[in-house]
Amino acid sequence: NHHILRISASKMVKAKKSTVKFVIDCTQPVDDKVLDVASFEKYLHDRIKLNGGKTGILAASGVVITRDRTKITVASPSDLQFAKRQLKYLSKRYLKKQQLRDYLRVVAASKNSYEMRYFSISAGDDEEDAEE
């Protein structure tokens, strides 16, 4: 009986609060072993700011950071209005800290996700050819 009560309670919570998920896809640098997803996750965990600039209140606000081998997912209650832009900013700062900022960029892959991609060096060569 107690179990049934718990299920209905969690359903009520879910109905009230919808979650927004943001994904940071780090597949390319992880495959090349230049980026450690676990340390990146910790970096985000320590630095994501909520409610006008407070860090360290993720759990209290219902924001959950999860990771698998190559992706980090940040789930936030939609009424919190979590800024996706902040994830891009923090991702770039993390890359800078790891001295990877010269090789990787953070690109919006879709409405709710970012992807770390290498700069395509060949693009520069094409422009030079065009001038000749």
C-alpha atoms as a PDB file:
ATOM      1  CA  ASN A   1       0.000   0.000   0.000  1.00  0.00           C
ATOM      2  CA  HIS A   2       2.804   2.352   0.920  1.00  0.00           C
ATOM      3  CA  HIS A   3       4.414   1.678  -2.465  1.00  0.00           C
ATOM      4  CA  ILE A   4       1.285   2.726  -4.361  1.00  0.00           C
ATOM      5  CA  LEU A   5       1.188   6.030  -2.516  1.00  0.00           C
ATOM      6  CA  ARG A   6       4.753   6.772  -3.477  1.00  0.00           C
ATOM      7  CA  ILE A   7       4.090   6.144  -7.176  1.00  0.00           C
ATOM      8  CA  SER A   8       1.098   8.462  -7.245  1.00  0.00           C
ATOM      9  CA  ALA A   9       3.094  11.138  -5.444  1.00  0.00           C
ATOM     10  CA  SER A  10       5.896  10.976  -7.997  1.00  0.00           C
ATOM     11  CA  LYS A  11       3.381  11.096 -10.837  1.00  0.00           C
ATOM     12  CA  MET A  12       1.878  14.243  -9.394  1.00  0.00           C
ATOM     13  CA  VAL A  13       5.307  15.820  -9.221  1.00  0.00           C
ATOM     14  CA  LYS A  14       6.041  14.882 -12.823  1.00  0.00           C
ATOM     15  CA  ALA A  15       2.762  16.292 -14.040  1.00  0.00           C
ATOM     16  CA  LYS A  16       3.449  19.567 -12.291  1.00  0.00           C
ATOM     17  CA  LYS A  17       7.097  19.928 -13.229  1.00  0.00           C
ATOM     18  CA  SER A  18       8.279  19.227 -16.732  1.00  0.00           C
ATOM     19  CA  THR A  19      11.991  18.888 -17.265  1.00  0.00           C
ATOM     20  CA  VAL A  20      14.182  20.481 -19.882  1.00  0.00           C
ATOM     21  CA  LYS A  21      17.229  18.509 -20.934  1.00  0.00           C
ATOM     22  CA  PHE A  22      20.379  19.976 -22.383  1.00  0.00           C
ATOM     23  CA  VAL A  23      23.014  17.709 -23.862  1.00  0.00           C
ATOM     24  CA  ILE A  24      26.693  18.450 -24.386  1.00  0.00           C
ATOM     25  CA  ASP A  25      28.099  15.927 -26.826  1.00  0.00           C
ATOM     26  CA  CYS A  26      31.851  15.449 -26.377  1.00  0.00           C
ATOM     27  CA  THR A  27      32.220  12.403 -28.627  1.00  0.00           C
ATOM     28  CA  GLN A  28      35.096  13.656 -30.801  1.00  0.00           C
ATOM     29  CA  PRO A  29      37.484  14.764 -28.011  1.00  0.00           C
ATOM     30  CA  VAL A  30      36.577  11.755 -25.840  1.00  0.00           C
ATOM     31  CA  ASP A  31      37.312   9.307 -28.648  1.00  0.00           C
ATOM     32  CA  ASP A  32      40.705  10.961 -29.074  1.00  0.00           C
ATOM     33  CA  LYS A  33      41.254  10.762 -25.304  1.00  0.00           C
ATOM     34  CA  VAL A  34      41.862  14.493 -24.955  1.00  0.00           C
ATOM     35  CA  LEU A  35      38.843  15.190 -22.767  1.00  0.00           C
ATOM     36  CA  ASP A  36      37.785  13.493 -19.559  1.00  0.00           C
ATOM     37  CA  VAL A  37      33.985  13.512 -19.259  1.00  0.00           C
ATOM     38  CA  ALA A  38      34.076  12.867 -15.512  1.00  0.00           C
ATOM     39  CA  SER A  39      36.212  15.916 -14.751  1.00  0.00           C
ATOM     40  CA  PHE A  40      34.121  18.035 -17.141  1.00  0.00           C
ATOM     41  CA  GLU A  41      31.000  16.900 -15.305  1.00  0.00           C
ATOM     42  CA  LYS A  42      32.534  17.877 -11.966  1.00  0.00           C
ATOM     43  CA  TYR A  43      33.562  21.249 -13.433  1.00  0.00           C
ATOM     44  CA  LEU A  44      29.978  21.937 -14.519  1.00  0.00           C
ATOM     45  CA  HIS A  45      28.640  20.688 -11.202  1.00  0.00           C
ATOM     46  CA  ASP A  46      30.818  23.134  -9.290  1.00  0.00           C
ATOM     47  CA  ARG A  47      30.233  26.109 -11.551  1.00  0.00           C
ATOM     48  CA  ILE A  48      26.676  26.150 -12.867  1.00  0.00           C
ATOM     49  CA  LYS A  49      24.980  29.171 -11.376  1.00  0.00           C
ATOM     50  CA  LEU A  50      21.285  29.365 -10.581  1.00  0.00           C
ATOM     51  CA  ASN A  51      18.887  31.936  -9.193  1.00  0.00           C
ATOM     52  CA  GLY A  52      20.988  34.933 -10.020  1.00  0.00           C
ATOM     53  CA  GLY A  53      24.479  33.681  -9.468  1.00  0.00           C
ATOM     54  CA  LYS A  54      24.575  31.024  -6.759  1.00  0.00           C
ATOM     55  CA  THR A  55      26.688  27.922  -7.274  1.00  0.00           C
ATOM     56  CA  GLY A  56      26.292  24.700  -5.340  1.00  0.00           C
ATOM     57  CA  ILE A  57      22.487  24.659  -5.225  1.00  0.00           C
ATOM     58  CA  LEU A  58      21.921  22.276  -8.142  1.00  0.00           C
ATOM     59  CA  ALA A  59      20.426  19.449  -6.092  1.00  0.00           C
ATOM     60  CA  ALA A  60      18.184  21.793  -4.120  1.00  0.00           C
ATOM     61  CA  SER A  61      16.865  23.286  -7.351  1.00  0.00           C
ATOM     62  CA  GLY A  62      16.237  19.910  -8.967  1.00  0.00           C
ATOM     63  CA  VAL A  63      18.951  20.209 -11.596  1.00  0.00           C
ATOM     64  CA  VAL A  64      20.526  16.845 -12.372  1.00  0.00           C
ATOM     65  CA  ILE A  65      23.773  16.326 -14.276  1.00  0.00           C
ATOM     66  CA  THR A  66      24.315  12.866 -15.702  1.00  0.00           C
ATOM     67  CA  ARG A  67      26.966  11.509 -18.023  1.00  0.00           C
ATOM     68  CA  ASP A  68      27.621   8.499 -20.161  1.00  0.00           C
ATOM     69  CA  ARG A  69      30.839   7.771 -22.024  1.00  0.00           C
ATOM     70  CA  THR A  70      30.725  10.760 -24.357  1.00  0.00           C
ATOM     71  CA  LYS A  71      27.790  12.954 -23.365  1.00  0.00           C
ATOM     72  CA  ILE A  72      26.792  15.102 -20.450  1.00  0.00           C
ATOM     73  CA  THR A  73      23.099  15.728 -19.875  1.00  0.00           C
ATOM     74  CA  VAL A  74      21.826  18.536 -17.696  1.00  0.00           C
ATOM     75  CA  ALA A  75      18.184  18.125 -16.726  1.00  0.00           C
ATOM     76  CA  SER A  76      16.464  21.109 -15.193  1.00  0.00           C
ATOM     77  CA  PRO A  77      12.874  21.821 -14.153  1.00  0.00           C
ATOM     78  CA  SER A  78      11.422  23.952 -16.948  1.00  0.00           C
ATOM     79  CA  ASP A  79      10.075  26.544 -14.526  1.00  0.00           C
ATOM     80  CA  LEU A  80      13.658  27.273 -13.466  1.00  0.00           C
ATOM     81  CA  GLN A  81      14.393  28.744 -16.916  1.00  0.00           C
ATOM     82  CA  PHE A  82      17.879  27.319 -17.002  1.00  0.00           C
ATOM     83  CA  ALA A  83      20.037  29.179 -19.510  1.00  0.00           C
ATOM     84  CA  LYS A  84      21.440  26.925 -22.197  1.00  0.00           C
ATOM     85  CA  ARG A  85      23.913  29.667 -23.066  1.00  0.00           C
ATOM     86  CA  GLN A  86      25.600  29.205 -19.690  1.00  0.00           C
ATOM     87  CA  LEU A  87      26.523  25.656 -20.664  1.00  0.00           C
ATOM     88  CA  LYS A  88      28.243  26.925 -23.784  1.00  0.00           C
ATOM     89  CA  TYR A  89      30.124  29.525 -21.764  1.00  0.00           C
ATOM     90  CA  LEU A  90      31.225  26.973 -19.166  1.00  0.00           C
ATOM     91  CA  SER A  91      32.161  24.432 -21.846  1.00  0.00           C
ATOM     92  CA  LYS A  92      34.401  26.987 -23.514  1.00  0.00           C
ATOM     93  CA  ARG A  93      35.969  27.932 -20.191  1.00  0.00           C
ATOM     94  CA  TYR A  94      36.634  24.292 -19.433  1.00  0.00           C
ATOM     95  CA  LEU A  95      38.270  23.808 -22.829  1.00  0.00           C
ATOM     96  CA  LYS A  96      40.435  26.858 -22.213  1.00  0.00           C
ATOM     97  CA  LYS A  97      41.473  25.483 -18.825  1.00  0.00           C
ATOM     98  CA  GLN A  98      42.437  22.178 -20.456  1.00  0.00           C
ATOM     99  CA  GLN A  99      44.272  24.069 -23.253  1.00  0.00           C
ATOM    100  CA  LEU A 100      41.915  22.586 -25.832  1.00  0.00           C
ATOM    101  CA  ARG A 101      40.246  25.826 -26.812  1.00  0.00           C
ATOM    102  CA  ASP A 102      42.499  26.198 -29.864  1.00  0.00           C
ATOM    103  CA  TYR A 103      41.340  22.882 -31.312  1.00  0.00           C
ATOM    104  CA  LEU A 104      37.723  22.497 -30.241  1.00  0.00           C
ATOM    105  CA  ARG A 105      34.654  24.633 -30.553  1.00  0.00           C
ATOM    106  CA  VAL A 106      31.239  24.337 -28.995  1.00  0.00           C
ATOM    107  CA  VAL A 107      28.512  24.280 -31.629  1.00  0.00           C
ATOM    108  CA  ALA A 108      24.766  24.169 -31.128  1.00  0.00           C
ATOM    109  CA  ALA A 109      23.782  20.842 -32.663  1.00  0.00           C
ATOM    110  CA  SER A 110      20.061  21.322 -32.012  1.00  0.00           C
ATOM    111  CA  LYS A 111      17.719  23.410 -29.903  1.00  0.00           C
ATOM    112  CA  ASN A 112      18.728  21.637 -26.703  1.00  0.00           C
ATOM    113  CA  SER A 113      22.187  20.359 -27.381  1.00  0.00           C
ATOM    114  CA  TYR A 114      25.746  21.438 -27.944  1.00  0.00           C
ATOM    115  CA  GLU A 115      28.483  19.478 -29.602  1.00  0.00           C
ATOM    116  CA  MET A 116      32.239  19.797 -29.313  1.00  0.00           C
ATOM    117  CA  ARG A 117      33.797  19.820 -32.736  1.00  0.00           C
ATOM    118  CA  TYR A 118      37.298  20.251 -34.027  1.00  0.00           C
ATOM    119  CA  PHE A 119      38.014  23.335 -36.060  1.00  0.00           C
ATOM    120  CA  SER A 120      38.228  22.219 -39.672  1.00  0.00           C
ATOM    121  CA  ILE A 121      41.661  23.374 -40.703  1.00  0.00           C
ATOM    122  CA  SER A 122      41.021  22.696 -44.397  1.00  0.00           C
ATOM    123  CA  ALA A 123      38.563  25.619 -44.523  1.00  0.00           C
ATOM    124  CA  GLY A 124      41.485  28.056 -44.379  1.00  0.00           C
ATOM    125  CA  ASP A 125      43.174  26.467 -47.398  1.00  0.00           C
ATOM    126  CA  ASP A 126      40.085  26.856 -49.571  1.00  0.00           C
ATOM    127  CA  GLU A 127      40.021  30.604 -48.989  1.00  0.00           C
ATOM    128  CA  GLU A 128      43.647  30.921 -50.064  1.00  0.00           C
ATOM    129  CA  ASP A 129      42.943  28.981 -53.260  1.00  0.00           C
ATOM    130  CA  ALA A 130      40.071  31.303 -54.092  1.00  0.00           C
ATOM    131  CA  GLU A 131      42.396  34.348 -54.117  1.00  0.00           C
ATOM    132  CA  GLU A 132      44.786  32.898 -56.695  1.00  0.00           C
END
